[in-house]
Amino acid sequence: MSTRVGKAILCIAALTLLSLSSVGSQGQEGKPKTDRHGFTPSDPMMTGTRDLNYDHLIVAGDRIGPAQVGGSIRDALKHLGNPNSAGRFYDNIGHQPDRVSYYFNAECIIVNWDDTGLDPKITEITVTCDKWRTSDGLQVGTAMSELSSHFSQYCPMQYTSKDHRFAIYTKQGIYFIGKNRNSPMYEIHVTPARDSFMPMCRD
């Protein structure tokens, strides 16, 4: 290999590294760069002193504890404190706002919100431990088979993914995840109430 060719290769390699570092500083596809916990500089964070005065009640279609569907993520932060990490789901087409998940490890709660506007709103809430429960006693650890006695109408879904998830959806704005129909539930989700099960199930 000639000296001239070798220098050309080194020059190309240097330019490639410079280009990659520039992309990294801007984030994926022009998105703001996140830190090692998934946060961007504009993400809402708690200010002031944390208010620990809240219940651990799950209310279908409405709230889990201090986090309310359709409510401000900033209001939830006043009670839950700052999250341990964040997950981000980008809309590659650019028509929808990014979806952000805040993970609160000690409270085993995940709060989803849309990254739009001055006061971002909560879209869905998930809990993964038994410190949260509904007024009729449903909590993580309850057998999936017990749900039929709590809901007269529901939509069962078996997922064929690696973890073989089994879900029970309701119109009331709450759904449950377990490994199968006989297992205990390991997640409870609160969403807005719905008029129809479509496209998941026929009404």
N, C-alpha and C. Protein backbone atom coordinates (compact mmCIF):
# COMPACT_ATOMS: atom_id res chain seq x y z
N MET A 1 0.85 -1.20 0.00
CA MET A 1 0.00 0.00 0.00
C MET A 1 0.88 1.24 0.00
N SER A 2 0.62 2.19 -0.90
CA SER A 2 1.44 3.38 -1.00
C SER A 2 1.16 4.31 0.18
N THR A 3 2.11 5.20 0.43
CA THR A 3 1.94 6.17 1.52
C THR A 3 0.75 7.08 1.25
N ARG A 4 0.56 7.47 -0.04
CA ARG A 4 -0.55 8.35 -0.41
C ARG A 4 -1.90 7.69 -0.14
N VAL A 5 -2.02 6.38 -0.49
CA VAL A 5 -3.27 5.66 -0.25
C VAL A 5 -3.53 5.52 1.25
N GLY A 6 -2.47 5.22 1.99
CA GLY A 6 -2.60 5.07 3.43
C GLY A 6 -3.09 6.35 4.09
N LYS A 7 -2.55 7.49 3.65
CA LYS A 7 -2.98 8.79 4.20
C LYS A 7 -4.44 9.07 3.86
N ALA A 8 -4.83 8.68 2.63
CA ALA A 8 -6.22 8.90 2.21
C ALA A 8 -7.17 8.10 3.08
N ILE A 9 -6.81 6.85 3.40
CA ILE A 9 -7.64 6.00 4.25
C ILE A 9 -7.76 6.59 5.65
N LEU A 10 -6.65 7.07 6.20
CA LEU A 10 -6.67 7.68 7.52
C LEU A 10 -7.54 8.93 7.54
N CYS A 11 -7.48 9.70 6.46
CA CYS A 11 -8.28 10.93 6.36
C CYS A 11 -9.77 10.60 6.34
N ILE A 12 -10.15 9.57 5.55
CA ILE A 12 -11.56 9.16 5.48
C ILE A 12 -12.05 8.66 6.83
N ALA A 13 -11.21 7.87 7.52
CA ALA A 13 -11.58 7.35 8.84
C ALA A 13 -11.79 8.49 9.83
N ALA A 14 -10.92 9.51 9.77
CA ALA A 14 -11.05 10.64 10.69
C ALA A 14 -12.33 11.42 10.42
N LEU A 15 -12.65 11.63 9.14
CA LEU A 15 -13.89 12.33 8.79
C LEU A 15 -15.12 11.56 9.23
N THR A 16 -15.07 10.22 9.11
CA THR A 16 -16.19 9.37 9.53
C THR A 16 -16.43 9.49 11.03
N LEU A 17 -15.34 9.43 11.82
CA LEU A 17 -15.47 9.56 13.28
C LEU A 17 -16.01 10.92 13.66
N LEU A 18 -15.56 11.98 12.96
CA LEU A 18 -16.06 13.32 13.24
C LEU A 18 -17.54 13.42 12.95
N SER A 19 -17.98 12.81 11.85
CA SER A 19 -19.39 12.81 11.48
C SER A 19 -20.24 12.09 12.51
N LEU A 20 -19.76 10.91 12.96
CA LEU A 20 -20.50 10.14 13.95
C LEU A 20 -20.62 10.88 15.26
N SER A 21 -19.54 11.55 15.69
CA SER A 21 -19.60 12.28 16.96
C SER A 21 -20.56 13.45 16.85
N SER A 22 -20.64 14.06 15.67
CA SER A 22 -21.58 15.17 15.47
C SER A 22 -23.01 14.69 15.56
N VAL A 23 -23.31 13.52 14.94
CA VAL A 23 -24.66 12.95 15.02
C VAL A 23 -25.01 12.62 16.45
N GLY A 24 -24.06 12.07 17.21
CA GLY A 24 -24.31 11.70 18.60
C GLY A 24 -24.65 12.90 19.46
N SER A 25 -24.02 14.06 19.17
CA SER A 25 -24.29 15.24 19.98
C SER A 25 -25.69 15.79 19.74
N GLN A 26 -26.25 15.52 18.55
CA GLN A 26 -27.58 15.99 18.24
C GLN A 26 -28.66 14.99 18.63
N GLY A 27 -28.28 13.72 18.82
CA GLY A 27 -29.26 12.68 19.12
C GLY A 27 -29.73 12.01 17.85
N GLN A 28 -30.50 10.93 18.00
CA GLN A 28 -30.97 10.14 16.87
C GLN A 28 -31.88 10.94 15.95
N GLU A 29 -31.53 10.98 14.66
CA GLU A 29 -32.34 11.63 13.64
C GLU A 29 -32.75 13.05 14.03
N GLY A 30 -31.80 13.81 14.59
CA GLY A 30 -32.07 15.19 14.93
C GLY A 30 -32.80 15.38 16.25
N LYS A 31 -33.11 14.28 16.96
CA LYS A 31 -33.79 14.40 18.25
C LYS A 31 -32.82 14.93 19.30
N PRO A 32 -33.33 15.60 20.33
CA PRO A 32 -32.44 16.09 21.39
C PRO A 32 -31.68 14.95 22.04
N LYS A 33 -30.46 15.20 22.39
CA LYS A 33 -29.64 14.17 23.01
C LYS A 33 -30.16 13.84 24.40
N THR A 34 -30.19 12.55 24.74
CA THR A 34 -30.59 12.12 26.07
C THR A 34 -29.36 11.78 26.90
N ASP A 35 -29.49 11.89 28.22
CA ASP A 35 -28.38 11.48 29.09
C ASP A 35 -28.47 9.97 29.33
N ARG A 36 -27.64 9.45 30.21
CA ARG A 36 -27.56 8.00 30.39
C ARG A 36 -28.83 7.42 31.02
N HIS A 37 -29.69 8.28 31.56
CA HIS A 37 -30.95 7.81 32.13
C HIS A 37 -32.14 8.03 31.18
N GLY A 38 -31.88 8.56 30.00
CA GLY A 38 -32.93 8.75 29.01
C GLY A 38 -33.61 10.11 29.04
N PHE A 39 -33.12 11.05 29.86
CA PHE A 39 -33.74 12.36 29.98
C PHE A 39 -33.16 13.36 28.99
N THR A 40 -34.00 14.30 28.54
CA THR A 40 -33.52 15.43 27.75
C THR A 40 -33.58 16.68 28.64
N PRO A 41 -32.88 17.74 28.25
CA PRO A 41 -32.89 18.96 29.08
C PRO A 41 -34.27 19.58 29.26
N SER A 42 -35.21 19.32 28.35
CA SER A 42 -36.53 19.95 28.46
C SER A 42 -37.56 19.09 29.20
N ASP A 43 -37.18 17.90 29.65
CA ASP A 43 -38.14 17.03 30.33
C ASP A 43 -38.60 17.66 31.66
N PRO A 44 -39.90 17.59 31.97
CA PRO A 44 -40.40 18.11 33.25
C PRO A 44 -39.77 17.36 34.43
N MET A 45 -39.43 18.10 35.46
CA MET A 45 -38.88 17.52 36.68
C MET A 45 -39.53 18.18 37.89
N MET A 46 -39.48 17.50 39.02
CA MET A 46 -40.07 18.04 40.24
C MET A 46 -39.31 19.27 40.70
N THR A 47 -40.04 20.26 41.19
CA THR A 47 -39.44 21.42 41.83
C THR A 47 -40.02 21.54 43.23
N GLY A 48 -39.23 22.00 44.15
CA GLY A 48 -39.72 22.16 45.52
C GLY A 48 -39.67 20.87 46.30
N THR A 49 -40.50 20.79 47.33
CA THR A 49 -40.52 19.64 48.24
C THR A 49 -41.57 18.63 47.81
N ARG A 50 -41.21 17.36 47.88
CA ARG A 50 -42.15 16.30 47.48
C ARG A 50 -43.29 16.17 48.49
N ASP A 51 -44.52 16.08 47.97
CA ASP A 51 -45.72 15.91 48.79
C ASP A 51 -46.07 14.42 48.85
N LEU A 52 -45.90 13.81 50.02
CA LEU A 52 -46.14 12.38 50.17
C LEU A 52 -47.58 12.05 50.55
N ASN A 53 -48.44 13.05 50.53
CA ASN A 53 -49.84 12.85 50.92
C ASN A 53 -50.65 12.39 49.71
N TYR A 54 -50.65 11.09 49.44
CA TYR A 54 -51.47 10.53 48.36
C TYR A 54 -51.77 9.08 48.67
N ASP A 55 -52.87 8.57 48.07
CA ASP A 55 -53.26 7.19 48.31
C ASP A 55 -52.63 6.27 47.25
N HIS A 56 -52.85 4.97 47.39
CA HIS A 56 -52.34 3.99 46.43
C HIS A 56 -53.50 3.27 45.74
N LEU A 57 -54.53 4.06 45.42
CA LEU A 57 -55.73 3.50 44.82
C LEU A 57 -55.63 3.52 43.29
N ILE A 58 -56.09 2.43 42.67
CA ILE A 58 -56.21 2.34 41.22
C ILE A 58 -57.67 2.59 40.85
N VAL A 59 -57.92 3.59 40.03
CA VAL A 59 -59.28 3.93 39.61
C VAL A 59 -59.34 3.81 38.09
N ALA A 60 -60.12 2.84 37.60
CA ALA A 60 -60.20 2.58 36.16
C ALA A 60 -60.59 3.83 35.38
N GLY A 61 -59.90 4.08 34.28
CA GLY A 61 -60.21 5.21 33.42
C GLY A 61 -59.85 6.56 33.99
N ASP A 62 -59.25 6.60 35.18
CA ASP A 62 -59.02 7.88 35.84
C ASP A 62 -57.59 8.06 36.33
N ARG A 63 -57.18 7.25 37.31
CA ARG A 63 -55.88 7.52 37.92
C ARG A 63 -55.30 6.30 38.61
N ILE A 64 -54.03 6.39 38.92
CA ILE A 64 -53.37 5.49 39.87
C ILE A 64 -52.64 6.40 40.84
N GLY A 65 -53.10 6.40 42.10
CA GLY A 65 -52.52 7.32 43.08
C GLY A 65 -52.60 8.75 42.59
N PRO A 66 -51.46 9.48 42.62
CA PRO A 66 -51.48 10.90 42.24
C PRO A 66 -51.34 11.14 40.74
N ALA A 67 -51.16 10.09 39.95
CA ALA A 67 -51.02 10.25 38.49
C ALA A 67 -52.37 10.05 37.83
N GLN A 68 -52.84 11.05 37.11
CA GLN A 68 -54.18 11.02 36.52
C GLN A 68 -54.10 11.05 35.00
N VAL A 69 -54.84 10.14 34.35
CA VAL A 69 -54.91 10.12 32.89
C VAL A 69 -55.50 11.44 32.41
N GLY A 70 -54.80 12.10 31.50
CA GLY A 70 -55.23 13.41 31.03
C GLY A 70 -54.76 14.56 31.90
N GLY A 71 -54.18 14.23 33.06
CA GLY A 71 -53.68 15.25 33.97
C GLY A 71 -52.24 15.63 33.64
N SER A 72 -51.74 16.62 34.32
CA SER A 72 -50.40 17.13 34.09
C SER A 72 -49.34 16.20 34.66
N ILE A 73 -48.29 15.93 33.89
CA ILE A 73 -47.18 15.15 34.42
C ILE A 73 -46.49 15.92 35.55
N ARG A 74 -46.52 17.24 35.48
CA ARG A 74 -45.90 18.04 36.54
C ARG A 74 -46.62 17.85 37.88
N ASP A 75 -47.96 17.72 37.83
CA ASP A 75 -48.71 17.50 39.06
C ASP A 75 -48.35 16.16 39.69
N ALA A 76 -48.17 15.12 38.85
CA ALA A 76 -47.78 13.81 39.37
C ALA A 76 -46.39 13.85 40.00
N LEU A 77 -45.49 14.62 39.39
CA LEU A 77 -44.12 14.72 39.91
C LEU A 77 -44.07 15.35 41.30
N LYS A 78 -45.03 16.22 41.60
CA LYS A 78 -45.06 16.85 42.93
C LYS A 78 -45.18 15.79 44.02
N HIS A 79 -45.81 14.65 43.69
CA HIS A 79 -46.02 13.59 44.67
C HIS A 79 -45.03 12.43 44.50
N LEU A 80 -44.77 12.03 43.27
CA LEU A 80 -43.91 10.87 43.02
C LEU A 80 -42.43 11.22 43.07
N GLY A 81 -42.10 12.50 42.97
CA GLY A 81 -40.69 12.90 42.91
C GLY A 81 -40.16 12.73 41.50
N ASN A 82 -38.85 12.85 41.36
CA ASN A 82 -38.24 12.69 40.05
C ASN A 82 -38.10 11.22 39.68
N PRO A 83 -38.33 10.86 38.42
CA PRO A 83 -38.21 9.46 38.00
C PRO A 83 -36.76 9.00 37.99
N ASN A 84 -36.58 7.68 38.06
CA ASN A 84 -35.23 7.11 38.00
C ASN A 84 -34.68 7.08 36.59
N SER A 85 -35.57 6.91 35.61
CA SER A 85 -35.13 6.85 34.22
C SER A 85 -36.31 7.14 33.31
N ALA A 86 -36.01 7.30 32.03
CA ALA A 86 -37.06 7.58 31.03
C ALA A 86 -36.82 6.74 29.79
N GLY A 87 -37.91 6.30 29.19
CA GLY A 87 -37.85 5.63 27.89
C GLY A 87 -38.55 6.51 26.87
N ARG A 88 -38.03 6.55 25.64
CA ARG A 88 -38.58 7.44 24.62
C ARG A 88 -38.93 6.66 23.38
N PHE A 89 -40.09 6.96 22.80
CA PHE A 89 -40.57 6.28 21.62
C PHE A 89 -40.86 7.34 20.56
N TYR A 90 -39.98 7.41 19.57
CA TYR A 90 -40.05 8.45 18.56
C TYR A 90 -41.01 8.08 17.44
N ASP A 91 -41.70 9.08 16.94
CA ASP A 91 -42.52 8.93 15.74
C ASP A 91 -41.63 9.27 14.54
N ASN A 92 -41.19 8.26 13.79
CA ASN A 92 -40.25 8.48 12.70
C ASN A 92 -40.83 9.35 11.59
N ILE A 93 -42.16 9.34 11.44
CA ILE A 93 -42.78 10.14 10.40
C ILE A 93 -42.82 11.62 10.80
N GLY A 94 -42.88 11.86 12.10
CA GLY A 94 -42.87 13.23 12.59
C GLY A 94 -44.24 13.87 12.72
N HIS A 95 -45.31 13.06 12.62
CA HIS A 95 -46.66 13.61 12.70
C HIS A 95 -47.20 13.62 14.13
N GLN A 96 -46.65 12.79 14.98
CA GLN A 96 -47.14 12.68 16.35
C GLN A 96 -46.04 13.08 17.33
N PRO A 97 -46.42 13.57 18.52
CA PRO A 97 -45.39 13.89 19.52
C PRO A 97 -44.73 12.62 20.04
N ASP A 98 -43.52 12.75 20.52
CA ASP A 98 -42.83 11.60 21.10
C ASP A 98 -43.55 11.15 22.36
N ARG A 99 -43.58 9.84 22.57
CA ARG A 99 -44.16 9.26 23.78
C ARG A 99 -43.03 8.98 24.77
N VAL A 100 -43.19 9.45 25.99
CA VAL A 100 -42.16 9.28 27.01
C VAL A 100 -42.72 8.46 28.16
N SER A 101 -41.91 7.53 28.67
CA SER A 101 -42.27 6.75 29.87
C SER A 101 -41.34 7.14 31.00
N TYR A 102 -41.90 7.58 32.12
CA TYR A 102 -41.14 7.86 33.33
C TYR A 102 -41.24 6.66 34.26
N TYR A 103 -40.10 6.16 34.72
CA TYR A 103 -40.04 4.99 35.60
C TYR A 103 -39.69 5.42 37.03
N PHE A 104 -40.58 5.10 37.97
CA PHE A 104 -40.37 5.41 39.38
C PHE A 104 -40.16 4.07 40.10
N ASN A 105 -38.91 3.73 40.33
CA ASN A 105 -38.58 2.38 40.81
C ASN A 105 -39.16 2.06 42.18
N ALA A 106 -39.03 2.98 43.14
CA ALA A 106 -39.47 2.70 44.50
C ALA A 106 -40.98 2.50 44.58
N GLU A 107 -41.72 3.20 43.73
CA GLU A 107 -43.17 3.07 43.73
C GLU A 107 -43.66 2.08 42.70
N CYS A 108 -42.74 1.46 41.95
CA CYS A 108 -43.05 0.50 40.87
C CYS A 108 -44.20 0.99 40.00
N ILE A 109 -44.09 2.25 39.56
CA ILE A 109 -45.10 2.86 38.71
C ILE A 109 -44.42 3.45 37.48
N ILE A 110 -45.10 3.34 36.34
CA ILE A 110 -44.61 3.90 35.08
C ILE A 110 -45.67 4.87 34.57
N VAL A 111 -45.27 6.08 34.29
CA VAL A 111 -46.21 7.10 33.83
C VAL A 111 -45.83 7.51 32.41
N ASN A 112 -46.75 7.33 31.47
CA ASN A 112 -46.52 7.72 30.07
C ASN A 112 -47.12 9.10 29.81
N TRP A 113 -46.40 9.91 29.04
CA TRP A 113 -46.89 11.23 28.67
C TRP A 113 -46.38 11.58 27.28
N ASP A 114 -47.14 12.47 26.60
CA ASP A 114 -46.77 12.92 25.27
C ASP A 114 -45.92 14.19 25.37
N ASP A 115 -44.79 14.19 24.67
CA ASP A 115 -43.85 15.31 24.74
C ASP A 115 -44.32 16.44 23.83
N THR A 116 -45.32 17.16 24.29
CA THR A 116 -45.87 18.27 23.50
C THR A 116 -46.45 19.31 24.45
N GLY A 117 -46.43 20.56 24.02
CA GLY A 117 -47.03 21.64 24.80
C GLY A 117 -46.18 22.08 25.98
N LEU A 118 -46.65 23.12 26.66
CA LEU A 118 -45.94 23.65 27.82
C LEU A 118 -46.19 22.83 29.07
N ASP A 119 -47.32 22.13 29.12
CA ASP A 119 -47.68 21.34 30.30
C ASP A 119 -48.11 19.93 29.83
N PRO A 120 -47.15 19.04 29.55
CA PRO A 120 -47.47 17.73 28.96
C PRO A 120 -48.45 16.92 29.81
N LYS A 121 -49.32 16.17 29.11
CA LYS A 121 -50.38 15.42 29.76
C LYS A 121 -50.09 13.91 29.78
N ILE A 122 -50.58 13.27 30.83
CA ILE A 122 -50.41 11.82 31.02
C ILE A 122 -51.39 11.06 30.13
N THR A 123 -50.89 10.02 29.47
CA THR A 123 -51.73 9.24 28.56
C THR A 123 -52.03 7.84 29.10
N GLU A 124 -51.15 7.28 29.92
CA GLU A 124 -51.36 5.93 30.46
C GLU A 124 -50.48 5.75 31.69
N ILE A 125 -50.95 4.90 32.61
CA ILE A 125 -50.21 4.64 33.85
C ILE A 125 -50.16 3.13 34.07
N THR A 126 -49.01 2.64 34.50
CA THR A 126 -48.82 1.20 34.74
C THR A 126 -48.20 0.99 36.11
N VAL A 127 -48.66 -0.06 36.81
CA VAL A 127 -48.01 -0.45 38.06
C VAL A 127 -47.57 -1.91 37.97
N THR A 128 -46.49 -2.22 38.69
CA THR A 128 -45.88 -3.55 38.59
C THR A 128 -45.65 -4.22 39.94
N CYS A 129 -46.27 -3.70 41.00
CA CYS A 129 -46.18 -4.36 42.32
C CYS A 129 -47.49 -4.20 43.07
N ASP A 130 -47.61 -4.89 44.20
CA ASP A 130 -48.90 -4.98 44.89
C ASP A 130 -49.17 -3.86 45.90
N LYS A 131 -48.40 -2.78 45.87
CA LYS A 131 -48.70 -1.67 46.79
C LYS A 131 -49.86 -0.82 46.26
N TRP A 132 -50.27 -1.05 45.02
CA TRP A 132 -51.39 -0.34 44.42
C TRP A 132 -52.54 -1.32 44.24
N ARG A 133 -53.80 -0.88 44.50
CA ARG A 133 -54.94 -1.78 44.33
C ARG A 133 -56.22 -1.02 44.04
N THR A 134 -57.16 -1.71 43.41
CA THR A 134 -58.48 -1.12 43.14
C THR A 134 -59.33 -1.18 44.40
N SER A 135 -60.46 -0.50 44.39
CA SER A 135 -61.34 -0.49 45.56
C SER A 135 -61.91 -1.87 45.85
N ASP A 136 -61.98 -2.74 44.82
CA ASP A 136 -62.47 -4.10 45.08
C ASP A 136 -61.33 -5.12 45.19
N GLY A 137 -60.11 -4.65 45.45
CA GLY A 137 -59.03 -5.53 45.85
C GLY A 137 -58.15 -6.11 44.76
N LEU A 138 -58.31 -5.68 43.50
CA LEU A 138 -57.44 -6.18 42.43
C LEU A 138 -56.08 -5.51 42.53
N GLN A 139 -55.03 -6.30 42.45
CA GLN A 139 -53.67 -5.80 42.54
C GLN A 139 -52.73 -6.75 41.81
N VAL A 140 -51.52 -6.30 41.57
CA VAL A 140 -50.52 -7.20 41.00
C VAL A 140 -50.37 -8.40 41.92
N GLY A 141 -50.42 -9.59 41.35
CA GLY A 141 -50.41 -10.82 42.14
C GLY A 141 -51.76 -11.52 42.17
N THR A 142 -52.84 -10.76 41.90
CA THR A 142 -54.16 -11.38 41.80
C THR A 142 -54.18 -12.32 40.59
N ALA A 143 -54.86 -13.46 40.73
CA ALA A 143 -54.94 -14.41 39.62
C ALA A 143 -55.74 -13.82 38.47
N MET A 144 -55.24 -13.98 37.26
CA MET A 144 -55.97 -13.50 36.08
C MET A 144 -57.37 -14.12 36.01
N SER A 145 -57.49 -15.35 36.46
CA SER A 145 -58.78 -16.04 36.39
C SER A 145 -59.85 -15.38 37.24
N GLU A 146 -59.46 -14.56 38.22
CA GLU A 146 -60.44 -13.89 39.08
C GLU A 146 -61.14 -12.73 38.38
N LEU A 147 -60.58 -12.26 37.27
CA LEU A 147 -61.13 -11.07 36.63
C LEU A 147 -62.54 -11.26 36.10
N SER A 148 -62.88 -12.50 35.75
CA SER A 148 -64.22 -12.75 35.21
C SER A 148 -65.32 -12.46 36.22
N SER A 149 -64.99 -12.50 37.50
CA SER A 149 -65.99 -12.19 38.53
C SER A 149 -66.09 -10.68 38.80
N HIS A 150 -65.17 -9.90 38.22
CA HIS A 150 -65.18 -8.45 38.43
C HIS A 150 -65.71 -7.69 37.23
N PHE A 151 -65.68 -8.30 36.04
CA PHE A 151 -66.09 -7.61 34.82
C PHE A 151 -67.04 -8.51 34.03
N SER A 152 -68.20 -7.98 33.70
CA SER A 152 -69.18 -8.76 32.94
C SER A 152 -68.81 -8.84 31.46
N GLN A 153 -68.05 -7.86 30.99
CA GLN A 153 -67.62 -7.85 29.60
C GLN A 153 -66.14 -7.50 29.54
N TYR A 154 -65.38 -8.28 28.80
CA TYR A 154 -63.94 -8.03 28.69
C TYR A 154 -63.42 -8.65 27.40
N CYS A 155 -62.22 -8.27 27.03
CA CYS A 155 -61.60 -8.73 25.79
C CYS A 155 -60.29 -9.42 26.13
N PRO A 156 -60.21 -10.75 25.97
CA PRO A 156 -58.95 -11.46 26.24
C PRO A 156 -58.06 -11.49 25.00
N MET A 157 -56.77 -11.30 25.21
CA MET A 157 -55.81 -11.33 24.09
C MET A 157 -54.60 -12.16 24.49
N GLN A 158 -54.27 -13.16 23.68
CA GLN A 158 -53.07 -13.97 23.90
C GLN A 158 -52.01 -13.50 22.91
N TYR A 159 -50.87 -13.06 23.41
CA TYR A 159 -49.80 -12.59 22.54
C TYR A 159 -48.82 -13.73 22.29
N THR A 160 -48.34 -13.84 21.09
CA THR A 160 -47.43 -14.93 20.74
C THR A 160 -45.98 -14.47 20.75
N SER A 161 -45.70 -13.49 21.55
CA SER A 161 -44.32 -13.03 21.69
C SER A 161 -43.54 -14.00 22.57
N LYS A 162 -42.25 -13.70 22.74
CA LYS A 162 -41.38 -14.62 23.48
C LYS A 162 -41.86 -14.86 24.91
N ASP A 163 -42.46 -13.82 25.52
CA ASP A 163 -42.88 -13.97 26.91
C ASP A 163 -44.32 -14.49 27.04
N HIS A 164 -44.99 -14.76 25.90
CA HIS A 164 -46.33 -15.35 25.90
C HIS A 164 -47.28 -14.59 26.84
N ARG A 165 -47.39 -13.29 26.63
CA ARG A 165 -48.24 -12.48 27.49
C ARG A 165 -49.72 -12.77 27.23
N PHE A 166 -50.49 -12.65 28.31
CA PHE A 166 -51.94 -12.80 28.22
C PHE A 166 -52.54 -11.54 28.82
N ALA A 167 -53.46 -10.89 28.08
CA ALA A 167 -54.03 -9.62 28.52
C ALA A 167 -55.55 -9.71 28.60
N ILE A 168 -56.12 -9.01 29.57
CA ILE A 168 -57.56 -8.83 29.68
C ILE A 168 -57.84 -7.33 29.62
N TYR A 169 -58.53 -6.91 28.54
CA TYR A 169 -58.88 -5.51 28.35
C TYR A 169 -60.34 -5.28 28.76
N THR A 170 -60.63 -4.10 29.28
CA THR A 170 -61.99 -3.72 29.63
C THR A 170 -62.31 -2.38 28.99
N LYS A 171 -63.59 -2.05 28.92
CA LYS A 171 -63.99 -0.75 28.40
C LYS A 171 -63.89 0.34 29.47
N GLN A 172 -63.76 -0.06 30.71
CA GLN A 172 -63.74 0.90 31.82
C GLN A 172 -62.44 1.72 31.89
N GLY A 173 -61.44 1.34 31.09
CA GLY A 173 -60.18 2.07 31.14
C GLY A 173 -59.18 1.43 32.07
N ILE A 174 -59.17 0.10 32.10
CA ILE A 174 -58.17 -0.63 32.88
C ILE A 174 -57.93 -1.96 32.19
N TYR A 175 -56.66 -2.38 32.12
CA TYR A 175 -56.38 -3.72 31.60
C TYR A 175 -55.26 -4.37 32.38
N PHE A 176 -55.16 -5.69 32.24
CA PHE A 176 -54.31 -6.50 33.10
C PHE A 176 -53.43 -7.43 32.25
N ILE A 177 -52.20 -7.62 32.68
CA ILE A 177 -51.25 -8.47 31.95
C ILE A 177 -50.75 -9.58 32.87
N GLY A 178 -50.74 -10.81 32.36
CA GLY A 178 -50.17 -11.95 33.04
C GLY A 178 -49.47 -12.85 32.03
N LYS A 179 -48.83 -13.91 32.49
CA LYS A 179 -48.16 -14.82 31.56
C LYS A 179 -49.16 -15.70 30.82
N ASN A 180 -50.23 -16.09 31.51
CA ASN A 180 -51.29 -16.89 30.87
C ASN A 180 -52.57 -16.74 31.67
N ARG A 181 -53.64 -17.39 31.27
CA ARG A 181 -54.94 -17.21 31.91
C ARG A 181 -54.98 -17.73 33.35
N ASN A 182 -54.03 -18.57 33.72
CA ASN A 182 -54.02 -19.13 35.08
C ASN A 182 -52.98 -18.48 35.99
N SER A 183 -52.19 -17.58 35.45
CA SER A 183 -51.10 -17.00 36.23
C SER A 183 -51.56 -15.76 37.00
N PRO A 184 -50.76 -15.30 37.95
CA PRO A 184 -51.06 -14.01 38.58
C PRO A 184 -50.72 -12.87 37.61
N MET A 185 -51.44 -11.78 37.73
CA MET A 185 -51.14 -10.62 36.89
C MET A 185 -49.85 -9.97 37.37
N TYR A 186 -49.06 -9.46 36.42
CA TYR A 186 -47.82 -8.77 36.80
C TYR A 186 -47.81 -7.30 36.40
N GLU A 187 -48.84 -6.85 35.68
CA GLU A 187 -48.99 -5.43 35.37
C GLU A 187 -50.47 -5.06 35.37
N ILE A 188 -50.75 -3.84 35.84
CA ILE A 188 -52.09 -3.25 35.72
C ILE A 188 -51.92 -1.89 35.07
N HIS A 189 -52.72 -1.63 34.01
CA HIS A 189 -52.64 -0.38 33.26
C HIS A 189 -53.95 0.38 33.37
N VAL A 190 -53.85 1.69 33.53
CA VAL A 190 -55.03 2.56 33.49
C VAL A 190 -54.91 3.49 32.28
N THR A 191 -55.98 3.52 31.48
CA THR A 191 -56.05 4.31 30.26
C THR A 191 -57.39 5.04 30.23
N PRO A 192 -57.63 5.88 29.24
CA PRO A 192 -58.98 6.44 29.11
C PRO A 192 -60.01 5.33 28.85
N ALA A 193 -61.22 5.50 29.35
CA ALA A 193 -62.30 4.55 29.07
C ALA A 193 -62.59 4.54 27.58
N ARG A 194 -63.16 3.43 27.08
CA ARG A 194 -63.42 3.30 25.65
C ARG A 194 -64.85 2.83 25.39
N ASP A 195 -65.38 3.15 24.21
CA ASP A 195 -66.74 2.74 23.84
C ASP A 195 -66.76 1.39 23.15
N SER A 196 -65.61 0.95 22.65
CA SER A 196 -65.57 -0.28 21.87
C SER A 196 -64.28 -1.03 22.11
N PHE A 197 -64.31 -2.36 21.93
CA PHE A 197 -63.09 -3.16 22.01
C PHE A 197 -62.33 -3.19 20.67
N MET A 198 -62.98 -2.75 19.62
CA MET A 198 -62.36 -2.79 18.30
C MET A 198 -61.06 -1.98 18.29
N PRO A 199 -60.00 -2.46 17.62
CA PRO A 199 -59.97 -3.63 16.76
C PRO A 199 -59.55 -4.93 17.46
N MET A 200 -59.42 -4.90 18.78
CA MET A 200 -58.90 -6.06 19.49
C MET A 200 -59.89 -7.21 19.53
N CYS A 201 -61.15 -6.89 19.85
CA CYS A 201 -62.21 -7.93 19.95
C CYS A 201 -63.51 -7.35 19.39
N ARG A 202 -64.43 -8.26 19.05
CA ARG A 202 -65.78 -7.81 18.68
C ARG A 202 -66.54 -7.41 19.94
N ASP A 203 -67.41 -6.43 19.81
CA ASP A 203 -68.24 -6.02 20.96
C ASP A 203 -69.39 -6.98 21.14
